[in-house]
PDB file of N, CA and C in Angstrom:
ATOM      1  N   MET A   1       0.830  -1.191   0.000  1.00  0.00           N
ATOM      2  CA  MET A   1       0.000   0.000   0.000  1.00  0.00           C
ATOM      3  C   MET A   1       0.874   1.255   0.000  1.00  0.00           C
ATOM      4  N   LYS A   2       1.932   1.223   0.840  1.00  0.00           N
ATOM      5  CA  LYS A   2       2.797   2.397   0.902  1.00  0.00           C
ATOM      6  C   LYS A   2       3.498   2.646  -0.426  1.00  0.00           C
ATOM      7  N   THR A   3       3.877   1.582  -1.115  1.00  0.00           N
ATOM      8  CA  THR A   3       4.568   1.784  -2.388  1.00  0.00           C
ATOM      9  C   THR A   3       3.628   2.370  -3.437  1.00  0.00           C
ATOM     10  N   ALA A   4       2.356   1.977  -3.393  1.00  0.00           N
ATOM     11  CA  ALA A   4       1.397   2.544  -4.344  1.00  0.00           C
ATOM     12  C   ALA A   4       1.202   4.028  -4.082  1.00  0.00           C
ATOM     13  N   VAL A   5       1.114   4.391  -2.807  1.00  0.00           N
ATOM     14  CA  VAL A   5       0.973   5.809  -2.450  1.00  0.00           C
ATOM     15  C   VAL A   5       2.233   6.560  -2.825  1.00  0.00           C
ATOM     16  N   TYR A   6       3.389   5.965  -2.554  1.00  0.00           N
ATOM     17  CA  TYR A   6       4.658   6.605  -2.895  1.00  0.00           C
ATOM     18  C   TYR A   6       4.769   6.799  -4.401  1.00  0.00           C
ATOM     19  N   ASN A   7       4.397   5.773  -5.166  1.00  0.00           N
ATOM     20  CA  ASN A   7       4.459   5.888  -6.626  1.00  0.00           C
ATOM     21  C   ASN A   7       3.513   6.961  -7.132  1.00  0.00           C
ATOM     22  N   ALA A   8       2.330   7.055  -6.530  1.00  0.00           N
ATOM     23  CA  ALA A   8       1.375   8.089  -6.938  1.00  0.00           C
ATOM     24  C   ALA A   8       1.925   9.470  -6.633  1.00  0.00           C
ATOM     25  N   LYS A   9       2.542   9.627  -5.470  1.00  0.00           N
ATOM     26  CA  LYS A   9       3.130  10.919  -5.103  1.00  0.00           C
ATOM     27  C   LYS A   9       4.263  11.286  -6.058  1.00  0.00           C
ATOM     28  N   GLU A  10       5.109  10.320  -6.384  1.00  0.00           N
ATOM     29  CA  GLU A  10       6.216  10.591  -7.288  1.00  0.00           C
ATOM     30  C   GLU A  10       5.711  10.944  -8.684  1.00  0.00           C
ATOM     31  N   HIS A  11       4.661  10.270  -9.110  1.00  0.00           N
ATOM     32  CA  HIS A  11       4.077  10.580 -10.417  1.00  0.00           C
ATOM     33  C   HIS A  11       3.518  11.999 -10.419  1.00  0.00           C
ATOM     34  N   LEU A  12       2.831  12.376  -9.345  1.00  0.00           N
ATOM     35  CA  LEU A  12       2.295  13.731  -9.248  1.00  0.00           C
ATOM     36  C   LEU A  12       3.412  14.767  -9.207  1.00  0.00           C
ATOM     37  N   LYS A  13       4.483  14.451  -8.486  1.00  0.00           N
ATOM     38  CA  LYS A  13       5.619  15.374  -8.432  1.00  0.00           C
ATOM     39  C   LYS A  13       6.197  15.609  -9.818  1.00  0.00           C
ATOM     40  N   SER A  14       6.427  14.527 -10.549  1.00  0.00           N
ATOM     41  CA  SER A  14       7.018  14.683 -11.875  1.00  0.00           C
ATOM     42  C   SER A  14       6.054  15.398 -12.818  1.00  0.00           C
ATOM     43  N   PHE A  15       4.754  15.124 -12.694  1.00  0.00           N
ATOM     44  CA  PHE A  15       3.762  15.794 -13.526  1.00  0.00           C
ATOM     45  C   PHE A  15       3.780  17.296 -13.270  1.00  0.00           C
ATOM     46  N   PHE A  16       3.762  17.674 -11.990  1.00  0.00           N
ATOM     47  CA  PHE A  16       3.734  19.092 -11.678  1.00  0.00           C
ATOM     48  C   PHE A  16       5.058  19.773 -11.987  1.00  0.00           C
ATOM     49  N   TYR A  17       6.149  19.037 -11.880  1.00  0.00           N
ATOM     50  CA  TYR A  17       7.439  19.616 -12.225  1.00  0.00           C
ATOM     51  C   TYR A  17       7.489  19.937 -13.711  1.00  0.00           C
ATOM     52  N   THR A  18       6.994  19.016 -14.544  1.00  0.00           N
ATOM     53  CA  THR A  18       6.986  19.292 -15.978  1.00  0.00           C
ATOM     54  C   THR A  18       6.037  20.434 -16.306  1.00  0.00           C
ATOM     55  N   LYS A  19       4.874  20.483 -15.636  1.00  0.00           N
ATOM     56  CA  LYS A  19       3.946  21.595 -15.865  1.00  0.00           C
ATOM     57  C   LYS A  19       4.577  22.917 -15.434  1.00  0.00           C
ATOM     58  N   PHE A  20       5.317  22.890 -14.316  1.00  0.00           N
ATOM     59  CA  PHE A  20       5.989  24.090 -13.837  1.00  0.00           C
ATOM     60  C   PHE A  20       7.047  24.548 -14.839  1.00  0.00           C
ATOM     61  N   LEU A  21       7.797  23.595 -15.388  1.00  0.00           N
ATOM     62  CA  LEU A  21       8.810  23.954 -16.377  1.00  0.00           C
ATOM     63  C   LEU A  21       8.177  24.552 -17.620  1.00  0.00           C
ATOM     64  N   LEU A  22       7.066  23.971 -18.067  1.00  0.00           N
ATOM     65  CA  LEU A  22       6.375  24.523 -19.231  1.00  0.00           C
ATOM     66  C   LEU A  22       5.838  25.921 -18.939  1.00  0.00           C
ATOM     67  N   LEU A  23       5.282  26.104 -17.754  1.00  0.00           N
ATOM     68  CA  LEU A  23       4.744  27.403 -17.378  1.00  0.00           C
ATOM     69  C   LEU A  23       5.847  28.445 -17.294  1.00  0.00           C
ATOM     70  N   SER A  24       6.977  28.090 -16.685  1.00  0.00           N
ATOM     71  CA  SER A  24       8.073  29.050 -16.585  1.00  0.00           C
ATOM     72  C   SER A  24       8.659  29.364 -17.956  1.00  0.00           C
ATOM     73  N   LYS A  25       8.712  28.369 -18.831  1.00  0.00           N
ATOM     74  CA  LYS A  25       9.191  28.607 -20.192  1.00  0.00           C
ATOM     75  C   LYS A  25       8.256  29.568 -20.919  1.00  0.00           C
ATOM     76  N   ASN A  26       6.960  29.373 -20.766  1.00  0.00           N
ATOM     77  CA  ASN A  26       5.993  30.261 -21.409  1.00  0.00           C
ATOM     78  C   ASN A  26       6.069  31.673 -20.845  1.00  0.00           C
ATOM     79  N   LEU A  27       6.334  31.785 -19.558  1.00  0.00           N
ATOM     80  CA  LEU A  27       6.448  33.116 -18.975  1.00  0.00           C
ATOM     81  C   LEU A  27       7.687  33.839 -19.484  1.00  0.00           C
ATOM     82  N   LYS A  28       8.755  33.086 -19.710  1.00  0.00           N
ATOM     83  CA  LYS A  28       9.968  33.696 -20.244  1.00  0.00           C
ATOM     84  C   LYS A  28       9.766  34.169 -21.674  1.00  0.00           C
ATOM     85  N   GLU A  29       9.034  33.399 -22.446  1.00  0.00           N
ATOM     86  CA  GLU A  29       8.817  33.741 -23.845  1.00  0.00           C
ATOM     87  C   GLU A  29       7.684  34.739 -24.026  1.00  0.00           C
ATOM     88  N   GLY A  30       7.009  35.073 -22.987  1.00  0.00           N
ATOM     89  CA  GLY A  30       5.807  35.888 -23.097  1.00  0.00           C
ATOM     90  C   GLY A  30       4.606  34.977 -22.983  1.00  0.00           C
ATOM     91  N   LEU A  31       3.494  35.538 -22.713  1.00  0.00           N
ATOM     92  CA  LEU A  31       2.312  34.729 -22.466  1.00  0.00           C
ATOM     93  C   LEU A  31       1.557  34.372 -23.737  1.00  0.00           C
ATOM     94  N   SER A  32       2.248  34.306 -24.855  1.00  0.00           N
ATOM     95  CA  SER A  32       1.575  34.054 -26.124  1.00  0.00           C
ATOM     96  C   SER A  32       0.933  32.670 -26.183  1.00  0.00           C
ATOM     97  N   GLY A  33       1.569  31.652 -25.633  1.00  0.00           N
ATOM     98  CA  GLY A  33       1.035  30.301 -25.742  1.00  0.00           C
ATOM     99  C   GLY A  33       0.255  29.854 -24.532  1.00  0.00           C
ATOM    100  N   LEU A  34       0.093  30.704 -23.569  1.00  0.00           N
ATOM    101  CA  LEU A  34      -0.551  30.302 -22.328  1.00  0.00           C
ATOM    102  C   LEU A  34      -1.991  30.778 -22.340  1.00  0.00           C
ATOM    103  N   GLY A  35      -2.911  29.835 -22.299  1.00  0.00           N
ATOM    104  CA  GLY A  35      -4.315  30.184 -22.334  1.00  0.00           C
ATOM    105  C   GLY A  35      -4.924  30.221 -20.956  1.00  0.00           C
ATOM    106  N   VAL A  36      -6.088  30.776 -20.884  1.00  0.00           N
ATOM    107  CA  VAL A  36      -6.802  30.894 -19.612  1.00  0.00           C
ATOM    108  C   VAL A  36      -7.172  29.508 -19.094  1.00  0.00           C
ATOM    109  N   VAL A  37      -7.518  28.615 -19.992  1.00  0.00           N
ATOM    110  CA  VAL A  37      -7.925  27.273 -19.585  1.00  0.00           C
ATOM    111  C   VAL A  37      -6.777  26.540 -18.889  1.00  0.00           C
ATOM    112  N   GLU A  38      -5.577  26.674 -19.426  1.00  0.00           N
ATOM    113  CA  GLU A  38      -4.422  26.013 -18.815  1.00  0.00           C
ATOM    114  C   GLU A  38      -4.148  26.550 -17.422  1.00  0.00           C
ATOM    115  N   VAL A  39      -4.223  27.856 -17.271  1.00  0.00           N
ATOM    116  CA  VAL A  39      -3.978  28.458 -15.958  1.00  0.00           C
ATOM    117  C   VAL A  39      -5.030  27.992 -14.963  1.00  0.00           C
ATOM    118  N   ILE A  40      -6.278  27.970 -15.374  1.00  0.00           N
ATOM    119  CA  ILE A  40      -7.350  27.531 -14.481  1.00  0.00           C
ATOM    120  C   ILE A  40      -7.169  26.067 -14.102  1.00  0.00           C
ATOM    121  N   LEU A  41      -6.788  25.226 -15.057  1.00  0.00           N
ATOM    122  CA  LEU A  41      -6.568  23.809 -14.755  1.00  0.00           C
ATOM    123  C   LEU A  41      -5.406  23.611 -13.789  1.00  0.00           C
ATOM    124  N   ILE A  42      -4.332  24.343 -13.995  1.00  0.00           N
ATOM    125  CA  ILE A  42      -3.181  24.231 -13.090  1.00  0.00           C
ATOM    126  C   ILE A  42      -3.574  24.680 -11.683  1.00  0.00           C
ATOM    127  N   LEU A  43      -4.276  25.790 -11.568  1.00  0.00           N
ATOM    128  CA  LEU A  43      -4.723  26.256 -10.259  1.00  0.00           C
ATOM    129  C   LEU A  43      -5.681  25.269  -9.613  1.00  0.00           C
ATOM    130  N   LEU A  44      -6.562  24.669 -10.399  1.00  0.00           N
ATOM    131  CA  LEU A  44      -7.505  23.688  -9.886  1.00  0.00           C
ATOM    132  C   LEU A  44      -6.783  22.463  -9.330  1.00  0.00           C
ATOM    133  N   VAL A  45      -5.769  22.012 -10.039  1.00  0.00           N
ATOM    134  CA  VAL A  45      -5.003  20.847  -9.578  1.00  0.00           C
ATOM    135  C   VAL A  45      -4.234  21.191  -8.309  1.00  0.00           C
ATOM    136  N   ILE A  46      -3.643  22.365  -8.245  1.00  0.00           N
ATOM    137  CA  ILE A  46      -2.893  22.769  -7.051  1.00  0.00           C
ATOM    138  C   ILE A  46      -3.815  22.859  -5.844  1.00  0.00           C
ATOM    139  N   VAL A  47      -4.983  23.464  -6.021  1.00  0.00           N
ATOM    140  CA  VAL A  47      -5.936  23.573  -4.909  1.00  0.00           C
ATOM    141  C   VAL A  47      -6.414  22.191  -4.481  1.00  0.00           C
ATOM    142  N   SER A  48      -6.672  21.310  -5.427  1.00  0.00           N
ATOM    143  CA  SER A  48      -7.122  19.966  -5.060  1.00  0.00           C
ATOM    144  C   SER A  48      -6.030  19.204  -4.313  1.00  0.00           C
ATOM    145  N   LEU A  49      -4.774  19.362  -4.714  1.00  0.00           N
ATOM    146  CA  LEU A  49      -3.683  18.709  -3.978  1.00  0.00           C
ATOM    147  C   LEU A  49      -3.563  19.250  -2.564  1.00  0.00           C
ATOM    148  N   ILE A  50      -3.754  20.550  -2.422  1.00  0.00           N
ATOM    149  CA  ILE A  50      -3.706  21.134  -1.086  1.00  0.00           C
ATOM    150  C   ILE A  50      -4.823  20.559  -0.229  1.00  0.00           C
ATOM    151  N   LEU A  51      -6.008  20.403  -0.808  1.00  0.00           N
ATOM    152  CA  LEU A  51      -7.120  19.837  -0.041  1.00  0.00           C
ATOM    153  C   LEU A  51      -6.894  18.362   0.281  1.00  0.00           C
ATOM    154  N   ILE A  52      -6.307  17.619  -0.639  1.00  0.00           N
ATOM    155  CA  ILE A  52      -6.055  16.194  -0.407  1.00  0.00           C
ATOM    156  C   ILE A  52      -5.016  16.000   0.690  1.00  0.00           C
ATOM    157  N   PHE A  53      -3.935  16.775   0.631  1.00  0.00           N
ATOM    158  CA  PHE A  53      -2.844  16.596   1.583  1.00  0.00           C
ATOM    159  C   PHE A  53      -2.882  17.640   2.703  1.00  0.00           C
ATOM    160  N   LYS A  54      -4.072  18.134   3.025  1.00  0.00           N
ATOM    161  CA  LYS A  54      -4.211  19.190   4.028  1.00  0.00           C
ATOM    162  C   LYS A  54      -3.683  18.759   5.391  1.00  0.00           C
ATOM    163  N   SER A  55      -4.014  17.557   5.821  1.00  0.00           N
ATOM    164  CA  SER A  55      -3.572  17.113   7.149  1.00  0.00           C
ATOM    165  C   SER A  55      -2.053  16.962   7.207  1.00  0.00           C
ATOM    166  N   GLN A  56      -1.448  16.433   6.151  1.00  0.00           N
ATOM    167  CA  GLN A  56       0.008  16.289   6.136  1.00  0.00           C
ATOM    168  C   GLN A  56       0.695  17.655   6.120  1.00  0.00           C
ATOM    169  N   ILE A  57       0.154  18.594   5.338  1.00  0.00           N
ATOM    170  CA  ILE A  57       0.727  19.939   5.279  1.00  0.00           C
ATOM    171  C   ILE A  57       0.613  20.620   6.631  1.00  0.00           C
ATOM    172  N   THR A  58      -0.549  20.461   7.287  1.00  0.00           N
ATOM    173  CA  THR A  58      -0.759  21.060   8.608  1.00  0.00           C
ATOM    174  C   THR A  58       0.212  20.470   9.623  1.00  0.00           C
ATOM    175  N   THR A  59       0.409  19.169   9.569  1.00  0.00           N
ATOM    176  CA  THR A  59       1.342  18.517  10.489  1.00  0.00           C
ATOM    177  C   THR A  59       2.764  19.035  10.293  1.00  0.00           C
ATOM    178  N   ILE A  60       3.183  19.157   9.054  1.00  0.00           N
ATOM    179  CA  ILE A  60       4.535  19.646   8.765  1.00  0.00           C
ATOM    180  C   ILE A  60       4.707  21.078   9.259  1.00  0.00           C
ATOM    181  N   ILE A  61       3.726  21.930   8.995  1.00  0.00           N
ATOM    182  CA  ILE A  61       3.824  23.331   9.419  1.00  0.00           C
ATOM    183  C   ILE A  61       3.836  23.440  10.934  1.00  0.00           C
ATOM    184  N   ASN A  62       2.974  22.662  11.613  1.00  0.00           N
ATOM    185  CA  ASN A  62       2.961  22.694  13.077  1.00  0.00           C
ATOM    186  C   ASN A  62       4.282  22.216  13.663  1.00  0.00           C
ATOM    187  N   THR A  63       4.862  21.191  13.067  1.00  0.00           N
ATOM    188  CA  THR A  63       6.159  20.693  13.531  1.00  0.00           C
ATOM    189  C   THR A  63       7.242  21.748  13.347  1.00  0.00           C
ATOM    190  N   LEU A  64       7.213  22.438  12.221  1.00  0.00           N
ATOM    191  CA  LEU A  64       8.204  23.491  11.985  1.00  0.00           C
ATOM    192  C   LEU A  64       8.071  24.618  13.007  1.00  0.00           C
ATOM    193  N   PHE A  65       6.843  25.027  13.280  1.00  0.00           N
ATOM    194  CA  PHE A  65       6.656  26.104  14.240  1.00  0.00           C
ATOM    195  C   PHE A  65       7.053  25.689  15.656  1.00  0.00           C
ATOM    196  N   LYS A  66       6.770  24.434  16.032  1.00  0.00           N
ATOM    197  CA  LYS A  66       7.201  23.942  17.347  1.00  0.00           C
ATOM    198  C   LYS A  66       8.718  23.953  17.436  1.00  0.00           C
ATOM    199  N   SER A  67       9.375  23.535  16.358  1.00  0.00           N
ATOM    200  CA  SER A  67      10.830  23.520  16.331  1.00  0.00           C
ATOM    201  C   SER A  67      11.386  24.938  16.451  1.00  0.00           C
ATOM    202  N   ILE A  68      10.780  25.867  15.759  1.00  0.00           N
ATOM    203  CA  ILE A  68      11.223  27.266  15.829  1.00  0.00           C
ATOM    204  C   ILE A  68      11.047  27.809  17.238  1.00  0.00           C
ATOM    205  N   LYS A  69       9.900  27.505  17.863  1.00  0.00           N
ATOM    206  CA  LYS A  69       9.645  27.987  19.226  1.00  0.00           C
ATOM    207  C   LYS A  69      10.665  27.429  20.214  1.00  0.00           C
ATOM    208  N   THR A  70      10.984  26.143  20.094  1.00  0.00           N
ATOM    209  CA  THR A  70      11.958  25.554  21.021  1.00  0.00           C
ATOM    210  C   THR A  70      13.353  26.129  20.796  1.00  0.00           C
ATOM    211  N   GLN A  71      13.702  26.402  19.550  1.00  0.00           N
ATOM    212  CA  GLN A  71      15.009  26.986  19.278  1.00  0.00           C
ATOM    213  C   GLN A  71      15.087  28.416  19.754  1.00  0.00           C
ATOM    214  N   ILE A  72      13.998  29.147  19.678  1.00  0.00           N
ATOM    215  CA  ILE A  72      13.989  30.516  20.179  1.00  0.00           C
ATOM    216  C   ILE A  72      14.122  30.539  21.688  1.00  0.00           C
ATOM    217  N   LYS A  73      13.444  29.597  22.362  1.00  0.00           N
ATOM    218  CA  LYS A  73      13.524  29.528  23.819  1.00  0.00           C
ATOM    219  C   LYS A  73      14.932  29.179  24.293  1.00  0.00           C
ATOM    220  N   SER A  74      15.644  28.401  23.498  1.00  0.00           N
ATOM    221  CA  SER A  74      16.995  28.004  23.912  1.00  0.00           C
ATOM    222  C   SER A  74      18.016  29.133  23.718  1.00  0.00           C
ATOM    223  N   ILE A  75      17.658  30.153  22.962  1.00  0.00           N
ATOM    224  CA  ILE A  75      18.585  31.263  22.736  1.00  0.00           C
ATOM    225  C   ILE A  75      18.563  32.188  23.864  1.00  0.00           C
TER     226      ILE A  75
END
């Protein structure tokens, strides 16, 4: 089960990395090839990923803030 989840995460990472590279390339060349539909789809996918992994993101952020607080107290 963990390997299937890991493979899905890696596939999503590579998908979004390629989309990010295409988007950055289009921004460098000007927005001539970038349509509204593509931007909306990319934003929709990003928002859906945030909603899917909301608990994991919250856990990571809370852990970071706890770590920062403990390091500040030790100073």
